[in-house]
């Protein structure tokens, strides 16, 4: 393998009006903990893969003014979206089901559209 080959995605970086408040919100609702000032996920954080995908600038998958979108794997899509909605987050009623899992969306406190993915169970 060449030293110049990419071997994975090292991080996802988003702009925020109030980073501290946004960190606290994700900590509260997802149980994430900061390490070295950011959220980290160990290589064995769960089944599945990390995806890097590109969308056309005018894609309706998320707001064209939003430069990036997070996607989190979850164990129970409906329970997670239900708890977010109960906490006052905007939850999109739309759901999609593919051969590799179910998807749903919500907006975080800064209006970022976030995708949740419930992968199919592994055999």
C-alpha atoms as a PDB file:
ATOM      1  CA  UNK A   1       0.000   0.000   0.000  1.00  0.00           C
ATOM      2  CA  UNK A   2       1.258   3.437  -0.914  1.00  0.00           C
ATOM      3  CA  UNK A   3       1.894   5.901   1.911  1.00  0.00           C
ATOM      4  CA  UNK A   4      -0.333   8.401   0.093  1.00  0.00           C
ATOM      5  CA  UNK A   5      -3.493   6.265   0.050  1.00  0.00           C
ATOM      6  CA  UNK A   6      -6.494   7.227   2.157  1.00  0.00           C
ATOM      7  CA  UNK A   7      -7.311   4.515   4.692  1.00  0.00           C
ATOM      8  CA  UNK A   8     -10.523   5.930   6.185  1.00  0.00           C
ATOM      9  CA  UNK A   9     -12.412   9.017   7.315  1.00  0.00           C
ATOM     10  CA  UNK A  10     -10.756  10.661  10.284  1.00  0.00           C
ATOM     11  CA  UNK A  11     -13.461  13.116  11.234  1.00  0.00           C
ATOM     12  CA  UNK A  12     -16.530  15.130  10.395  1.00  0.00           C
ATOM     13  CA  UNK A  13     -16.363  18.848  11.067  1.00  0.00           C
ATOM     14  CA  UNK A  14     -19.326  21.223  11.189  1.00  0.00           C
ATOM     15  CA  UNK A  15     -19.588  24.931  11.811  1.00  0.00           C
ATOM     16  CA  UNK A  16     -21.718  25.991  14.797  1.00  0.00           C
ATOM     17  CA  UNK A  17     -22.949  29.320  16.122  1.00  0.00           C
ATOM     18  CA  UNK A  18     -22.482  28.063  19.702  1.00  0.00           C
ATOM     19  CA  UNK A  19     -20.234  24.966  19.735  1.00  0.00           C
ATOM     20  CA  UNK A  20     -20.375  24.503  23.525  1.00  0.00           C
ATOM     21  CA  UNK A  21     -24.189  24.431  23.595  1.00  0.00           C
ATOM     22  CA  UNK A  22     -24.309  22.084  20.615  1.00  0.00           C
ATOM     23  CA  UNK A  23     -21.783  19.716  22.262  1.00  0.00           C
ATOM     24  CA  UNK A  24     -23.920  19.714  25.431  1.00  0.00           C
ATOM     25  CA  UNK A  25     -27.082  18.928  23.433  1.00  0.00           C
ATOM     26  CA  UNK A  26     -25.479  15.931  21.677  1.00  0.00           C
ATOM     27  CA  UNK A  27     -24.051  14.733  25.002  1.00  0.00           C
ATOM     28  CA  UNK A  28     -27.475  14.875  26.629  1.00  0.00           C
ATOM     29  CA  UNK A  29     -29.494  13.253  23.844  1.00  0.00           C
ATOM     30  CA  UNK A  30     -27.001  10.699  22.505  1.00  0.00           C
ATOM     31  CA  UNK A  31     -24.851   9.929  25.532  1.00  0.00           C
ATOM     32  CA  UNK A  32     -21.715  11.037  23.678  1.00  0.00           C
ATOM     33  CA  UNK A  33     -18.686  12.075  25.699  1.00  0.00           C
ATOM     34  CA  UNK A  34     -15.974  14.458  24.624  1.00  0.00           C
ATOM     35  CA  UNK A  35     -12.390  13.340  24.544  1.00  0.00           C
ATOM     36  CA  UNK A  36      -9.692  15.873  23.650  1.00  0.00           C
ATOM     37  CA  UNK A  37     -12.393  18.489  23.043  1.00  0.00           C
ATOM     38  CA  UNK A  38     -14.450  16.501  20.533  1.00  0.00           C
ATOM     39  CA  UNK A  39     -16.495  13.327  20.160  1.00  0.00           C
ATOM     40  CA  UNK A  40     -14.537  10.257  19.160  1.00  0.00           C
ATOM     41  CA  UNK A  41     -15.700   6.812  18.136  1.00  0.00           C
ATOM     42  CA  UNK A  42     -13.358   3.857  18.606  1.00  0.00           C
ATOM     43  CA  UNK A  43     -12.916   1.459  15.667  1.00  0.00           C
ATOM     44  CA  UNK A  44     -15.089  -1.131  17.434  1.00  0.00           C
ATOM     45  CA  UNK A  45     -17.958   1.308  18.161  1.00  0.00           C
ATOM     46  CA  UNK A  46     -20.477  -0.968  16.489  1.00  0.00           C
ATOM     47  CA  UNK A  47     -21.311  -2.917  13.395  1.00  0.00           C
ATOM     48  CA  UNK A  48     -21.376  -1.327  10.016  1.00  0.00           C
ATOM     49  CA  UNK A  49     -19.237   1.030   8.114  1.00  0.00           C
ATOM     50  CA  UNK A  50     -18.556   4.711   7.954  1.00  0.00           C
ATOM     51  CA  UNK A  51     -19.770   6.244   4.721  1.00  0.00           C
ATOM     52  CA  UNK A  52     -18.477   9.228   2.822  1.00  0.00           C
ATOM     53  CA  UNK A  53     -21.011  10.244   0.151  1.00  0.00           C
ATOM     54  CA  UNK A  54     -21.316  13.256  -2.105  1.00  0.00           C
ATOM     55  CA  UNK A  55     -24.619  14.900  -3.060  1.00  0.00           C
ATOM     56  CA  UNK A  56     -25.324  17.440  -5.771  1.00  0.00           C
ATOM     57  CA  UNK A  57     -25.450  20.998  -4.470  1.00  0.00           C
ATOM     58  CA  UNK A  58     -29.194  21.197  -5.243  1.00  0.00           C
ATOM     59  CA  UNK A  59     -30.026  17.822  -3.632  1.00  0.00           C
ATOM     60  CA  UNK A  60     -33.154  17.863  -1.462  1.00  0.00           C
ATOM     61  CA  UNK A  61     -31.687  15.148   0.833  1.00  0.00           C
ATOM     62  CA  UNK A  62     -30.710  17.992   3.161  1.00  0.00           C
ATOM     63  CA  UNK A  63     -30.859  21.796   3.053  1.00  0.00           C
ATOM     64  CA  UNK A  64     -28.668  23.049   0.171  1.00  0.00           C
ATOM     65  CA  UNK A  65     -27.448  25.852   2.477  1.00  0.00           C
ATOM     66  CA  UNK A  66     -26.138  23.198   4.899  1.00  0.00           C
ATOM     67  CA  UNK A  67     -22.656  22.151   3.707  1.00  0.00           C
ATOM     68  CA  UNK A  68     -22.644  18.754   5.450  1.00  0.00           C
ATOM     69  CA  UNK A  69     -24.976  16.306   7.196  1.00  0.00           C
ATOM     70  CA  UNK A  70     -24.260  13.915  10.037  1.00  0.00           C
ATOM     71  CA  UNK A  71     -25.467  10.311   9.924  1.00  0.00           C
ATOM     72  CA  UNK A  72     -25.539   8.308  13.166  1.00  0.00           C
ATOM     73  CA  UNK A  73     -26.152   4.568  13.495  1.00  0.00           C
ATOM     74  CA  UNK A  74     -28.778   3.775  16.144  1.00  0.00           C
ATOM     75  CA  UNK A  75     -30.194   0.566  17.609  1.00  0.00           C
ATOM     76  CA  UNK A  76     -33.844   1.700  17.560  1.00  0.00           C
ATOM     77  CA  UNK A  77     -34.764   4.413  15.057  1.00  0.00           C
ATOM     78  CA  UNK A  78     -38.300   5.069  16.299  1.00  0.00           C
ATOM     79  CA  UNK A  79     -37.324   5.174  19.970  1.00  0.00           C
ATOM     80  CA  UNK A  80     -34.481   7.590  19.274  1.00  0.00           C
ATOM     81  CA  UNK A  81     -36.621   9.893  17.135  1.00  0.00           C
ATOM     82  CA  UNK A  82     -39.430   9.710  19.699  1.00  0.00           C
ATOM     83  CA  UNK A  83     -37.149  10.794  22.536  1.00  0.00           C
ATOM     84  CA  UNK A  84     -35.765  13.650  20.439  1.00  0.00           C
ATOM     85  CA  UNK A  85     -39.261  14.818  19.554  1.00  0.00           C
ATOM     86  CA  UNK A  86     -40.318  14.632  23.206  1.00  0.00           C
ATOM     87  CA  UNK A  87     -37.327  16.838  24.029  1.00  0.00           C
ATOM     88  CA  UNK A  88     -38.540  19.455  21.542  1.00  0.00           C
ATOM     89  CA  UNK A  89     -36.410  18.653  18.482  1.00  0.00           C
ATOM     90  CA  UNK A  90     -37.999  18.871  15.045  1.00  0.00           C
ATOM     91  CA  UNK A  91     -38.407  15.300  13.755  1.00  0.00           C
ATOM     92  CA  UNK A  92     -39.231  14.731  10.095  1.00  0.00           C
ATOM     93  CA  UNK A  93     -42.207  12.389   9.654  1.00  0.00           C
ATOM     94  CA  UNK A  94     -40.538  10.857   6.580  1.00  0.00           C
ATOM     95  CA  UNK A  95     -38.961   7.400   6.983  1.00  0.00           C
ATOM     96  CA  UNK A  96     -37.135   5.336   4.402  1.00  0.00           C
ATOM     97  CA  UNK A  97     -36.523   1.594   4.489  1.00  0.00           C
ATOM     98  CA  UNK A  98     -33.878  -0.007   2.301  1.00  0.00           C
ATOM     99  CA  UNK A  99     -32.410  -3.499   2.146  1.00  0.00           C
ATOM    100  CA  UNK A 100     -29.637  -2.411   4.507  1.00  0.00           C
ATOM    101  CA  UNK A 101     -31.648  -0.520   7.127  1.00  0.00           C
ATOM    102  CA  UNK A 102     -34.145   2.181   8.062  1.00  0.00           C
ATOM    103  CA  UNK A 103     -33.581   5.944   7.996  1.00  0.00           C
ATOM    104  CA  UNK A 104     -35.136   8.962   9.684  1.00  0.00           C
ATOM    105  CA  UNK A 105     -34.182  12.611  10.226  1.00  0.00           C
ATOM    106  CA  UNK A 106     -34.295  15.371  12.812  1.00  0.00           C
ATOM    107  CA  UNK A 107     -32.942  18.902  13.165  1.00  0.00           C
ATOM    108  CA  UNK A 108     -30.528  19.724  15.973  1.00  0.00           C
ATOM    109  CA  UNK A 109     -30.822  23.006  17.936  1.00  0.00           C
ATOM    110  CA  UNK A 110     -28.841  24.902  15.274  1.00  0.00           C
ATOM    111  CA  UNK A 111     -31.115  23.649  12.497  1.00  0.00           C
ATOM    112  CA  UNK A 112     -28.714  21.052  11.070  1.00  0.00           C
ATOM    113  CA  UNK A 113     -30.583  18.176   9.453  1.00  0.00           C
ATOM    114  CA  UNK A 114     -29.195  14.938  10.905  1.00  0.00           C
ATOM    115  CA  UNK A 115     -29.843  11.467   9.533  1.00  0.00           C
ATOM    116  CA  UNK A 116     -30.286   8.412  11.744  1.00  0.00           C
ATOM    117  CA  UNK A 117     -29.690   4.917  10.386  1.00  0.00           C
ATOM    118  CA  UNK A 118     -30.881   1.694  11.999  1.00  0.00           C
ATOM    119  CA  UNK A 119     -28.833  -0.975  10.187  1.00  0.00           C
ATOM    120  CA  UNK A 120     -30.251  -4.432   9.699  1.00  0.00           C
ATOM    121  CA  UNK A 121     -29.189  -6.844  12.437  1.00  0.00           C
ATOM    122  CA  UNK A 122     -26.087  -8.873  11.687  1.00  0.00           C
ATOM    123  CA  UNK A 123     -26.469 -12.627  11.511  1.00  0.00           C
END
